[in-house]
Amino acid sequence: MDIEFKLGPIIKRIREDKGYSRAELCDGICHINTIINIEKNTTSPSFEILRMIAGRLGESIDVIIRNADLKKNAFYVQQRTKLEKYAEVHDLDGCESVLSLIDADLYKQLLPSEQQFFDRVRVVVLLGNYQDVNTAYTLAKKSLYKTFKKDQYFTREECLLINLLLSMKQSKDNIELAKSALKWIRKQDSYTQDTYAYVLLINGLTMLSYLQEEWFELLDYATEGEKVAVELDKSRFIPNFIFMQGLATYQLMIDTNYGLSKMKHALDYALLIRQLGNFQDLNEYAQKYGIDLT
């Protein structure tokens, strides 16, 4: 087997996406050190070992090799990198321009988890540029179930798709999925915990509690959310978490003056980091409950 294909990272990605430990993957196939070396790409699997690994992972050898080969495709790597950067800064026009270059044939070659990344960005574009909630929701749900089988394990893309589904439709199923995913992330240690998915899910459930006027739940989620966002330096989420803590405290009449001060602090913070849209949203939340923050 040609080591230049760099099969190791692809095998590792599929294994992690499907929730297998290294010990589970190699059981009855090879020594765990063999799997470690394969994933590090310091050794190349024999055809027989690759066949058994692929079978256990539920993927064909052809899919593994094609995805390894894509890592050498300069065009694909360049566009994938661009899309990640555009998505990170929420440049939807940039995202759409890259998505238009990924044709159906190339898309079909991708692993399901890789397809989910492109699907997720497409959903955000559909919502942001076209306000097409129905198409976006259908795509997000179809994409989630390309890999999702049980709620004991959640991949990064599954968590982010679940959060999008919850933002579009606060159904019982979506709420349960989001809470299960958050519960699973909380259990992970600091080395394996997907912190970005963690912040997004807490933010989604914070907004759900706000919409349902579940003030105790809102206070808990917002307090946890601020802590995580501060630790991860995710400043764009912080004003919302601070405001929701203040609103919950105010509505519960625990300490109305403290609640008001927290909401005002959130508005100041939003202006400080130049989040004018968020500043306007927070003001609207206050106005909804007749709260004067001037």
C-alpha atoms as a PDB file:
ATOM      1  CA  MET A   1       0.000   0.000   0.000  1.00  0.00           C
ATOM      2  CA  ASP A   2       1.397   3.382  -1.043  1.00  0.00           C
ATOM      3  CA  ILE A   3       2.066   5.421   2.083  1.00  0.00           C
ATOM      4  CA  GLU A   4       1.915   8.577  -0.048  1.00  0.00           C
ATOM      5  CA  PHE A   5      -1.856   8.215   0.002  1.00  0.00           C
ATOM      6  CA  LYS A   6      -1.701   9.174   3.698  1.00  0.00           C
ATOM      7  CA  LEU A   7      -4.468   6.761   4.657  1.00  0.00           C
ATOM      8  CA  GLY A   8      -3.867   7.224   8.394  1.00  0.00           C
ATOM      9  CA  PRO A   9      -5.584  10.604   8.867  1.00  0.00           C
ATOM     10  CA  ILE A  10      -8.605   9.405   6.872  1.00  0.00           C
ATOM     11  CA  ILE A  11      -8.906   6.226   8.937  1.00  0.00           C
ATOM     12  CA  LYS A  12      -8.587   8.286  12.127  1.00  0.00           C
ATOM     13  CA  ARG A  13     -11.270  10.728  10.951  1.00  0.00           C
ATOM     14  CA  ILE A  14     -13.729   7.935  10.139  1.00  0.00           C
ATOM     15  CA  ARG A  15     -12.959   6.143  13.410  1.00  0.00           C
ATOM     16  CA  GLU A  16     -13.576   9.269  15.500  1.00  0.00           C
ATOM     17  CA  ASP A  17     -16.681  10.239  13.515  1.00  0.00           C
ATOM     18  CA  LYS A  18     -18.172   6.805  14.178  1.00  0.00           C
ATOM     19  CA  GLY A  19     -17.237   6.753  17.839  1.00  0.00           C
ATOM     20  CA  TYR A  20     -14.744   3.892  17.818  1.00  0.00           C
ATOM     21  CA  SER A  21     -11.797   3.853  20.190  1.00  0.00           C
ATOM     22  CA  ARG A  22      -8.500   2.571  18.825  1.00  0.00           C
ATOM     23  CA  ALA A  23      -8.883  -0.528  20.979  1.00  0.00           C
ATOM     24  CA  GLU A  24     -12.328  -1.228  19.536  1.00  0.00           C
ATOM     25  CA  LEU A  25     -11.122  -0.729  15.982  1.00  0.00           C
ATOM     26  CA  CYS A  26      -8.111  -3.022  16.239  1.00  0.00           C
ATOM     27  CA  ASP A  27      -9.789  -5.787  18.278  1.00  0.00           C
ATOM     28  CA  GLY A  28      -9.228  -9.060  16.430  1.00  0.00           C
ATOM     29  CA  ILE A  29      -7.493  -7.259  13.543  1.00  0.00           C
ATOM     30  CA  CYS A  30      -4.084  -6.087  14.740  1.00  0.00           C
ATOM     31  CA  HIS A  31      -2.144  -4.757  17.718  1.00  0.00           C
ATOM     32  CA  ILE A  32      -3.198  -1.318  18.970  1.00  0.00           C
ATOM     33  CA  ASN A  33       0.301   0.025  18.226  1.00  0.00           C
ATOM     34  CA  THR A  34      -0.293  -0.865  14.577  1.00  0.00           C
ATOM     35  CA  ILE A  35      -3.394   1.343  14.514  1.00  0.00           C
ATOM     36  CA  ILE A  36      -1.497   4.141  16.237  1.00  0.00           C
ATOM     37  CA  ASN A  37       1.287   3.984  13.642  1.00  0.00           C
ATOM     38  CA  ILE A  38      -1.197   3.761  10.751  1.00  0.00           C
ATOM     39  CA  GLU A  39      -3.068   6.848  11.988  1.00  0.00           C
ATOM     40  CA  LYS A  40       0.202   8.732  12.422  1.00  0.00           C
ATOM     41  CA  ASN A  41       1.052   7.649   8.870  1.00  0.00           C
ATOM     42  CA  THR A  42       4.372   6.224  10.001  1.00  0.00           C
ATOM     43  CA  THR A  43       3.392   2.852   8.589  1.00  0.00           C
ATOM     44  CA  SER A  44       1.109   1.722   5.802  1.00  0.00           C
ATOM     45  CA  PRO A  45      -1.509  -1.005   6.368  1.00  0.00           C
ATOM     46  CA  SER A  46      -1.367  -4.235   4.425  1.00  0.00           C
ATOM     47  CA  PHE A  47      -4.275  -4.786   2.074  1.00  0.00           C
ATOM     48  CA  GLU A  48      -5.739  -7.419   4.398  1.00  0.00           C
ATOM     49  CA  ILE A  49      -5.597  -5.150   7.467  1.00  0.00           C
ATOM     50  CA  LEU A  50      -7.032  -2.253   5.460  1.00  0.00           C
ATOM     51  CA  ARG A  51      -9.866  -4.488   4.229  1.00  0.00           C
ATOM     52  CA  MET A  52     -10.763  -5.515   7.794  1.00  0.00           C
ATOM     53  CA  ILE A  53     -10.483  -1.946   9.144  1.00  0.00           C
ATOM     54  CA  ALA A  54     -12.697  -0.630   6.354  1.00  0.00           C
ATOM     55  CA  GLY A  55     -15.230  -3.381   7.028  1.00  0.00           C
ATOM     56  CA  ARG A  56     -15.416  -2.575  10.737  1.00  0.00           C
ATOM     57  CA  LEU A  57     -15.793   1.125   9.989  1.00  0.00           C
ATOM     58  CA  GLY A  58     -18.529   0.402   7.461  1.00  0.00           C
ATOM     59  CA  GLU A  59     -16.675   2.062   4.584  1.00  0.00           C
ATOM     60  CA  SER A  60     -15.251   0.682   1.367  1.00  0.00           C
ATOM     61  CA  ILE A  61     -11.515   0.672   0.655  1.00  0.00           C
ATOM     62  CA  ASP A  62     -12.271   2.771  -2.406  1.00  0.00           C
ATOM     63  CA  VAL A  63     -13.849   5.524  -0.287  1.00  0.00           C
ATOM     64  CA  ILE A  64     -10.836   5.613   2.050  1.00  0.00           C
ATOM     65  CA  ILE A  65      -8.345   5.810  -0.816  1.00  0.00           C
ATOM     66  CA  ARG A  66     -10.339   8.449  -2.730  1.00  0.00           C
ATOM     67  CA  ASN A  67     -10.555  10.685   0.340  1.00  0.00           C
ATOM     68  CA  ALA A  68      -6.845  10.238   1.024  1.00  0.00           C
ATOM     69  CA  ASP A  69      -6.168  11.216  -2.571  1.00  0.00           C
ATOM     70  CA  LEU A  70      -8.304  14.355  -2.144  1.00  0.00           C
ATOM     71  CA  LYS A  71      -5.798  15.579   0.447  1.00  0.00           C
ATOM     72  CA  LYS A  72      -3.312  15.861  -2.432  1.00  0.00           C
ATOM     73  CA  ASN A  73      -5.803  17.757  -4.592  1.00  0.00           C
ATOM     74  CA  ALA A  74      -4.517  21.356  -4.431  1.00  0.00           C
ATOM     75  CA  PHE A  75      -7.792  22.821  -5.701  1.00  0.00           C
ATOM     76  CA  TYR A  76      -9.897  21.016  -3.116  1.00  0.00           C
ATOM     77  CA  VAL A  77      -7.543  21.808  -0.232  1.00  0.00           C
ATOM     78  CA  GLN A  78      -7.456  25.477  -1.248  1.00  0.00           C
ATOM     79  CA  GLN A  79     -11.253  25.789  -1.487  1.00  0.00           C
ATOM     80  CA  ARG A  80     -11.798  23.863   1.746  1.00  0.00           C
ATOM     81  CA  THR A  81      -9.419  26.213   3.559  1.00  0.00           C
ATOM     82  CA  LYS A  82     -11.123  29.290   2.081  1.00  0.00           C
ATOM     83  CA  LEU A  83     -14.538  28.022   3.101  1.00  0.00           C
ATOM     84  CA  GLU A  84     -13.393  27.461   6.686  1.00  0.00           C
ATOM     85  CA  LYS A  85     -12.083  31.031   6.883  1.00  0.00           C
ATOM     86  CA  TYR A  86     -15.201  32.564   5.340  1.00  0.00           C
ATOM     87  CA  ALA A  87     -17.446  30.537   7.645  1.00  0.00           C
ATOM     88  CA  GLU A  88     -15.452  31.575  10.718  1.00  0.00           C
ATOM     89  CA  VAL A  89     -16.001  35.290  10.029  1.00  0.00           C
ATOM     90  CA  HIS A  90     -19.556  34.730   8.758  1.00  0.00           C
ATOM     91  CA  ASP A  91     -18.751  35.994   5.248  1.00  0.00           C
ATOM     92  CA  LEU A  92     -21.769  34.415   3.552  1.00  0.00           C
ATOM     93  CA  ASP A  93     -21.018  35.781   0.082  1.00  0.00           C
ATOM     94  CA  GLY A  94     -17.526  34.329   0.308  1.00  0.00           C
ATOM     95  CA  CYS A  95     -18.962  31.004   1.459  1.00  0.00           C
ATOM     96  CA  GLU A  96     -21.413  30.955  -1.426  1.00  0.00           C
ATOM     97  CA  SER A  97     -18.678  31.674  -3.962  1.00  0.00           C
ATOM     98  CA  VAL A  98     -16.648  28.672  -2.743  1.00  0.00           C
ATOM     99  CA  LEU A  99     -19.673  26.367  -2.572  1.00  0.00           C
ATOM    100  CA  SER A 100     -20.429  27.134  -6.203  1.00  0.00           C
ATOM    101  CA  LEU A 101     -17.031  25.669  -7.174  1.00  0.00           C
ATOM    102  CA  ILE A 102     -17.639  22.305  -5.455  1.00  0.00           C
ATOM    103  CA  ASP A 103     -19.438  20.300  -8.123  1.00  0.00           C
ATOM    104  CA  ALA A 104     -21.599  17.237  -7.542  1.00  0.00           C
ATOM    105  CA  ASP A 105     -18.913  14.771  -8.612  1.00  0.00           C
ATOM    106  CA  LEU A 106     -16.399  16.155  -6.120  1.00  0.00           C
ATOM    107  CA  TYR A 107     -19.019  16.320  -3.363  1.00  0.00           C
ATOM    108  CA  LYS A 108     -19.951  12.656  -3.870  1.00  0.00           C
ATOM    109  CA  GLN A 109     -16.329  11.624  -3.296  1.00  0.00           C
ATOM    110  CA  LEU A 110     -16.304  13.086   0.215  1.00  0.00           C
ATOM    111  CA  LEU A 111     -16.794  11.187   3.434  1.00  0.00           C
ATOM    112  CA  PRO A 112     -20.253  11.763   4.958  1.00  0.00           C
ATOM    113  CA  SER A 113     -18.732  13.826   7.770  1.00  0.00           C
ATOM    114  CA  GLU A 114     -16.939  15.993   5.196  1.00  0.00           C
ATOM    115  CA  GLN A 115     -20.166  16.407   3.229  1.00  0.00           C
ATOM    116  CA  GLN A 116     -21.787  17.565   6.468  1.00  0.00           C
ATOM    117  CA  PHE A 117     -19.333  20.441   6.734  1.00  0.00           C
ATOM    118  CA  PHE A 118     -20.304  21.676   3.265  1.00  0.00           C
ATOM    119  CA  ASP A 119     -23.985  21.050   3.995  1.00  0.00           C
ATOM    120  CA  ARG A 120     -23.778  23.034   7.222  1.00  0.00           C
ATOM    121  CA  VAL A 121     -22.232  26.044   5.526  1.00  0.00           C
ATOM    122  CA  ARG A 122     -24.841  25.806   2.770  1.00  0.00           C
ATOM    123  CA  VAL A 123     -27.590  25.832   5.411  1.00  0.00           C
ATOM    124  CA  VAL A 124     -26.161  29.021   6.947  1.00  0.00           C
ATOM    125  CA  VAL A 125     -26.043  30.639   3.477  1.00  0.00           C
ATOM    126  CA  LEU A 126     -29.650  29.623   2.770  1.00  0.00           C
ATOM    127  CA  LEU A 127     -30.740  31.200   6.053  1.00  0.00           C
ATOM    128  CA  GLY A 128     -28.585  34.315   5.882  1.00  0.00           C
ATOM    129  CA  ASN A 129     -28.738  35.239   2.203  1.00  0.00           C
ATOM    130  CA  TYR A 130     -32.115  33.840   1.184  1.00  0.00           C
ATOM    131  CA  GLN A 131     -34.154  33.384   4.383  1.00  0.00           C
ATOM    132  CA  ASP A 132     -35.152  29.996   2.951  1.00  0.00           C
ATOM    133  CA  VAL A 133     -35.914  28.203   6.207  1.00  0.00           C
ATOM    134  CA  ASN A 134     -37.755  25.250   4.673  1.00  0.00           C
ATOM    135  CA  THR A 135     -34.939  24.270   2.302  1.00  0.00           C
ATOM    136  CA  ALA A 136     -32.325  24.915   4.992  1.00  0.00           C
ATOM    137  CA  TYR A 137     -34.151  22.771   7.548  1.00  0.00           C
ATOM    138  CA  THR A 138     -34.635  19.877   5.127  1.00  0.00           C
ATOM    139  CA  LEU A 139     -30.950  19.947   4.150  1.00  0.00           C
ATOM    140  CA  ALA A 140     -29.747  20.123   7.768  1.00  0.00           C
ATOM    141  CA  LYS A 141     -31.911  17.200   8.858  1.00  0.00           C
ATOM    142  CA  LYS A 142     -30.942  15.035   5.876  1.00  0.00           C
ATOM    143  CA  SER A 143     -27.279  15.848   6.463  1.00  0.00           C
ATOM    144  CA  LEU A 144     -27.419  15.007  10.184  1.00  0.00           C
ATOM    145  CA  TYR A 145     -28.703  11.508   9.533  1.00  0.00           C
ATOM    146  CA  LYS A 146     -25.901  10.718   7.108  1.00  0.00           C
ATOM    147  CA  THR A 147     -23.928   9.721  10.200  1.00  0.00           C
ATOM    148  CA  PHE A 148     -26.087  10.069  13.310  1.00  0.00           C
ATOM    149  CA  LYS A 149     -27.199   6.718  14.669  1.00  0.00           C
ATOM    150  CA  LYS A 150     -27.402   7.046  18.442  1.00  0.00           C
ATOM    151  CA  ASP A 151     -27.186   9.691  21.129  1.00  0.00           C
ATOM    152  CA  GLN A 152     -24.291   8.193  23.088  1.00  0.00           C
ATOM    153  CA  TYR A 153     -21.745   9.798  20.766  1.00  0.00           C
ATOM    154  CA  PHE A 154     -21.838  13.059  18.827  1.00  0.00           C
ATOM    155  CA  THR A 155     -19.387  14.280  16.205  1.00  0.00           C
ATOM    156  CA  ARG A 156     -18.542  17.956  15.766  1.00  0.00           C
ATOM    157  CA  GLU A 157     -20.617  18.304  12.618  1.00  0.00           C
ATOM    158  CA  GLU A 158     -23.572  16.507  14.184  1.00  0.00           C
ATOM    159  CA  CYS A 159     -23.520  18.952  17.110  1.00  0.00           C
ATOM    160  CA  LEU A 160     -23.384  21.967  14.818  1.00  0.00           C
ATOM    161  CA  LEU A 161     -26.185  20.622  12.610  1.00  0.00           C
ATOM    162  CA  ILE A 162     -28.319  19.889  15.685  1.00  0.00           C
ATOM    163  CA  ASN A 163     -27.810  23.466  16.845  1.00  0.00           C
ATOM    164  CA  LEU A 164     -28.964  24.755  13.446  1.00  0.00           C
ATOM    165  CA  LEU A 165     -32.029  22.503  13.526  1.00  0.00           C
ATOM    166  CA  LEU A 166     -32.914  23.821  16.995  1.00  0.00           C
ATOM    167  CA  SER A 167     -32.551  27.424  15.839  1.00  0.00           C
ATOM    168  CA  MET A 168     -35.014  26.793  13.008  1.00  0.00           C
ATOM    169  CA  LYS A 169     -37.520  24.576  14.799  1.00  0.00           C
ATOM    170  CA  GLN A 170     -37.914  24.182  18.547  1.00  0.00           C
ATOM    171  CA  SER A 171     -39.508  20.746  18.313  1.00  0.00           C
ATOM    172  CA  LYS A 172     -39.406  18.145  21.079  1.00  0.00           C
ATOM    173  CA  ASP A 173     -37.006  15.991  19.035  1.00  0.00           C
ATOM    174  CA  ASN A 174     -34.627  18.870  18.329  1.00  0.00           C
ATOM    175  CA  ILE A 175     -34.631  19.967  21.966  1.00  0.00           C
ATOM    176  CA  GLU A 176     -33.866  16.436  23.157  1.00  0.00           C
ATOM    177  CA  LEU A 177     -31.086  16.088  20.574  1.00  0.00           C
ATOM    178  CA  ALA A 178     -29.490  19.389  21.641  1.00  0.00           C
ATOM    179  CA  LYS A 179     -29.658  18.509  25.339  1.00  0.00           C
ATOM    180  CA  SER A 180     -28.233  15.031  24.707  1.00  0.00           C
ATOM    181  CA  ALA A 181     -25.384  16.476  22.629  1.00  0.00           C
ATOM    182  CA  LEU A 182     -24.568  19.068  25.302  1.00  0.00           C
ATOM    183  CA  LYS A 183     -24.644  16.397  28.018  1.00  0.00           C
ATOM    184  CA  TRP A 184     -22.222  14.294  25.981  1.00  0.00           C
ATOM    185  CA  ILE A 185     -19.827  17.208  25.372  1.00  0.00           C
ATOM    186  CA  ARG A 186     -19.801  18.096  29.075  1.00  0.00           C
ATOM    187  CA  LYS A 187     -18.534  14.593  29.873  1.00  0.00           C
ATOM    188  CA  GLN A 188     -15.501  14.856  27.601  1.00  0.00           C
ATOM    189  CA  ASP A 189     -12.123  15.736  29.027  1.00  0.00           C
ATOM    190  CA  SER A 190     -10.345  18.936  28.014  1.00  0.00           C
ATOM    191  CA  TYR A 191      -8.300  17.126  25.361  1.00  0.00           C
ATOM    192  CA  THR A 192     -11.246  15.671  23.440  1.00  0.00           C
ATOM    193  CA  GLN A 193     -13.950  18.233  24.173  1.00  0.00           C
ATOM    194  CA  ASP A 194     -15.113  20.148  21.105  1.00  0.00           C
ATOM    195  CA  THR A 195     -15.236  23.595  22.638  1.00  0.00           C
ATOM    196  CA  TYR A 196     -16.759  25.418  19.661  1.00  0.00           C
ATOM    197  CA  ALA A 197     -19.671  22.988  19.490  1.00  0.00           C
ATOM    198  CA  TYR A 198     -19.982  23.351  23.279  1.00  0.00           C
ATOM    199  CA  VAL A 199     -20.425  27.132  23.098  1.00  0.00           C
ATOM    200  CA  LEU A 200     -22.878  26.942  20.188  1.00  0.00           C
ATOM    201  CA  LEU A 201     -25.083  24.348  21.882  1.00  0.00           C
ATOM    202  CA  ILE A 202     -25.197  26.296  25.159  1.00  0.00           C
ATOM    203  CA  ASN A 203     -26.050  29.442  23.210  1.00  0.00           C
ATOM    204  CA  GLY A 204     -28.823  27.609  21.354  1.00  0.00           C
ATOM    205  CA  LEU A 205     -30.316  26.214  24.547  1.00  0.00           C
ATOM    206  CA  THR A 206     -29.975  29.609  26.235  1.00  0.00           C
ATOM    207  CA  MET A 207     -32.081  31.169  23.478  1.00  0.00           C
ATOM    208  CA  LEU A 208     -34.590  28.318  23.728  1.00  0.00           C
ATOM    209  CA  SER A 209     -34.994  28.961  27.469  1.00  0.00           C
ATOM    210  CA  TYR A 210     -35.467  32.665  26.730  1.00  0.00           C
ATOM    211  CA  LEU A 211     -38.169  31.954  24.146  1.00  0.00           C
ATOM    212  CA  GLN A 212     -39.953  29.598  26.541  1.00  0.00           C
ATOM    213  CA  GLU A 213     -39.473  32.009  29.472  1.00  0.00           C
ATOM    214  CA  GLU A 214     -37.900  29.277  31.592  1.00  0.00           C
ATOM    215  CA  TRP A 215     -36.044  31.698  33.828  1.00  0.00           C
ATOM    216  CA  PHE A 216     -34.253  29.271  36.172  1.00  0.00           C
ATOM    217  CA  GLU A 217     -33.073  27.197  33.209  1.00  0.00           C
ATOM    218  CA  LEU A 218     -32.047  30.367  31.382  1.00  0.00           C
ATOM    219  CA  LEU A 219     -29.953  31.492  34.337  1.00  0.00           C
ATOM    220  CA  ASP A 220     -28.179  28.134  34.510  1.00  0.00           C
ATOM    221  CA  TYR A 221     -27.418  27.955  30.776  1.00  0.00           C
ATOM    222  CA  ALA A 222     -26.341  31.604  30.517  1.00  0.00           C
ATOM    223  CA  THR A 223     -24.039  31.333  33.543  1.00  0.00           C
ATOM    224  CA  GLU A 224     -22.408  28.192  32.150  1.00  0.00           C
ATOM    225  CA  GLY A 225     -22.219  29.770  28.709  1.00  0.00           C
ATOM    226  CA  GLU A 226     -20.397  32.884  29.915  1.00  0.00           C
ATOM    227  CA  LYS A 227     -17.865  30.758  31.791  1.00  0.00           C
ATOM    228  CA  VAL A 228     -17.118  28.595  28.755  1.00  0.00           C
ATOM    229  CA  ALA A 229     -17.043  31.550  26.328  1.00  0.00           C
ATOM    230  CA  VAL A 230     -14.600  33.481  28.542  1.00  0.00           C
ATOM    231  CA  GLU A 231     -12.322  30.453  28.913  1.00  0.00           C
ATOM    232  CA  LEU A 232     -12.302  29.937  25.142  1.00  0.00           C
ATOM    233  CA  ASP A 233     -12.064  33.640  24.275  1.00  0.00           C
ATOM    234  CA  LYS A 234     -15.287  33.476  22.240  1.00  0.00           C
ATOM    235  CA  SER A 235     -16.111  37.122  22.871  1.00  0.00           C
ATOM    236  CA  ARG A 236     -18.945  37.385  20.356  1.00  0.00           C
ATOM    237  CA  PHE A 237     -21.099  35.097  22.542  1.00  0.00           C
ATOM    238  CA  ILE A 238     -20.364  36.826  25.830  1.00  0.00           C
ATOM    239  CA  PRO A 239     -22.798  39.811  25.620  1.00  0.00           C
ATOM    240  CA  ASN A 240     -25.733  37.458  25.041  1.00  0.00           C
ATOM    241  CA  PHE A 241     -24.833  35.247  27.999  1.00  0.00           C
ATOM    242  CA  ILE A 242     -24.322  38.243  30.307  1.00  0.00           C
ATOM    243  CA  PHE A 243     -27.611  39.810  29.226  1.00  0.00           C
ATOM    244  CA  MET A 244     -29.573  36.589  29.698  1.00  0.00           C
ATOM    245  CA  GLN A 245     -28.170  36.173  33.209  1.00  0.00           C
ATOM    246  CA  GLY A 246     -29.346  39.675  34.004  1.00  0.00           C
ATOM    247  CA  LEU A 247     -32.756  39.173  32.432  1.00  0.00           C
ATOM    248  CA  ALA A 248     -33.327  35.893  34.290  1.00  0.00           C
ATOM    249  CA  THR A 249     -32.220  37.442  37.599  1.00  0.00           C
ATOM    250  CA  TYR A 250     -34.529  40.414  36.980  1.00  0.00           C
ATOM    251  CA  GLN A 251     -37.531  38.284  36.007  1.00  0.00           C
ATOM    252  CA  LEU A 252     -37.056  35.957  38.978  1.00  0.00           C
ATOM    253  CA  MET A 253     -36.824  39.052  41.237  1.00  0.00           C
ATOM    254  CA  ILE A 254     -33.754  37.589  42.899  1.00  0.00           C
ATOM    255  CA  ASP A 255     -32.000  40.957  42.755  1.00  0.00           C
ATOM    256  CA  THR A 256     -33.540  43.356  40.235  1.00  0.00           C
ATOM    257  CA  ASN A 257     -30.791  45.965  40.573  1.00  0.00           C
ATOM    258  CA  TYR A 258     -28.143  43.339  39.908  1.00  0.00           C
ATOM    259  CA  GLY A 259     -30.150  42.080  36.953  1.00  0.00           C
ATOM    260  CA  LEU A 260     -30.340  45.571  35.490  1.00  0.00           C
ATOM    261  CA  SER A 261     -26.611  46.107  35.950  1.00  0.00           C
ATOM    262  CA  LYS A 262     -25.824  42.822  34.164  1.00  0.00           C
ATOM    263  CA  MET A 263     -28.044  43.761  31.202  1.00  0.00           C
ATOM    264  CA  LYS A 264     -26.468  47.201  30.956  1.00  0.00           C
ATOM    265  CA  HIS A 265     -23.007  45.628  31.130  1.00  0.00           C
ATOM    266  CA  ALA A 266     -23.980  43.326  28.259  1.00  0.00           C
ATOM    267  CA  LEU A 267     -25.004  46.298  26.111  1.00  0.00           C
ATOM    268  CA  ASP A 268     -21.731  48.098  26.868  1.00  0.00           C
ATOM    269  CA  TYR A 269     -19.781  44.929  26.049  1.00  0.00           C
ATOM    270  CA  ALA A 270     -21.584  44.530  22.712  1.00  0.00           C
ATOM    271  CA  LEU A 271     -20.638  48.092  21.772  1.00  0.00           C
ATOM    272  CA  LEU A 272     -17.062  47.570  22.961  1.00  0.00           C
ATOM    273  CA  ILE A 273     -16.547  44.639  20.596  1.00  0.00           C
ATOM    274  CA  ARG A 274     -18.527  46.416  17.844  1.00  0.00           C
ATOM    275  CA  GLN A 275     -21.432  44.015  17.687  1.00  0.00           C
ATOM    276  CA  LEU A 276     -24.059  46.561  16.705  1.00  0.00           C
ATOM    277  CA  GLY A 277     -26.535  43.937  15.533  1.00  0.00           C
ATOM    278  CA  ASN A 278     -26.295  42.139  18.855  1.00  0.00           C
ATOM    279  CA  PHE A 279     -26.605  45.468  20.693  1.00  0.00           C
ATOM    280  CA  GLN A 280     -29.893  46.130  18.875  1.00  0.00           C
ATOM    281  CA  ASP A 281     -31.165  42.612  19.586  1.00  0.00           C
ATOM    282  CA  LEU A 282     -30.417  42.925  23.298  1.00  0.00           C
ATOM    283  CA  ASN A 283     -32.249  46.243  23.448  1.00  0.00           C
ATOM    284  CA  GLU A 284     -35.259  44.615  21.793  1.00  0.00           C
ATOM    285  CA  TYR A 285     -35.214  41.813  24.363  1.00  0.00           C
ATOM    286  CA  ALA A 286     -35.328  44.427  27.137  1.00  0.00           C
ATOM    287  CA  GLN A 287     -38.125  46.375  25.438  1.00  0.00           C
ATOM    288  CA  LYS A 288     -40.174  43.176  25.107  1.00  0.00           C
ATOM    289  CA  TYR A 289     -40.409  43.084  28.907  1.00  0.00           C
ATOM    290  CA  GLY A 290     -40.697  46.832  29.363  1.00  0.00           C
ATOM    291  CA  ILE A 291     -37.247  47.136  30.911  1.00  0.00           C
ATOM    292  CA  ASP A 292     -35.658  50.579  30.701  1.00  0.00           C
ATOM    293  CA  LEU A 293     -31.888  50.269  30.343  1.00  0.00           C
ATOM    294  CA  THR A 294     -31.171  53.946  29.662  1.00  0.00           C
END
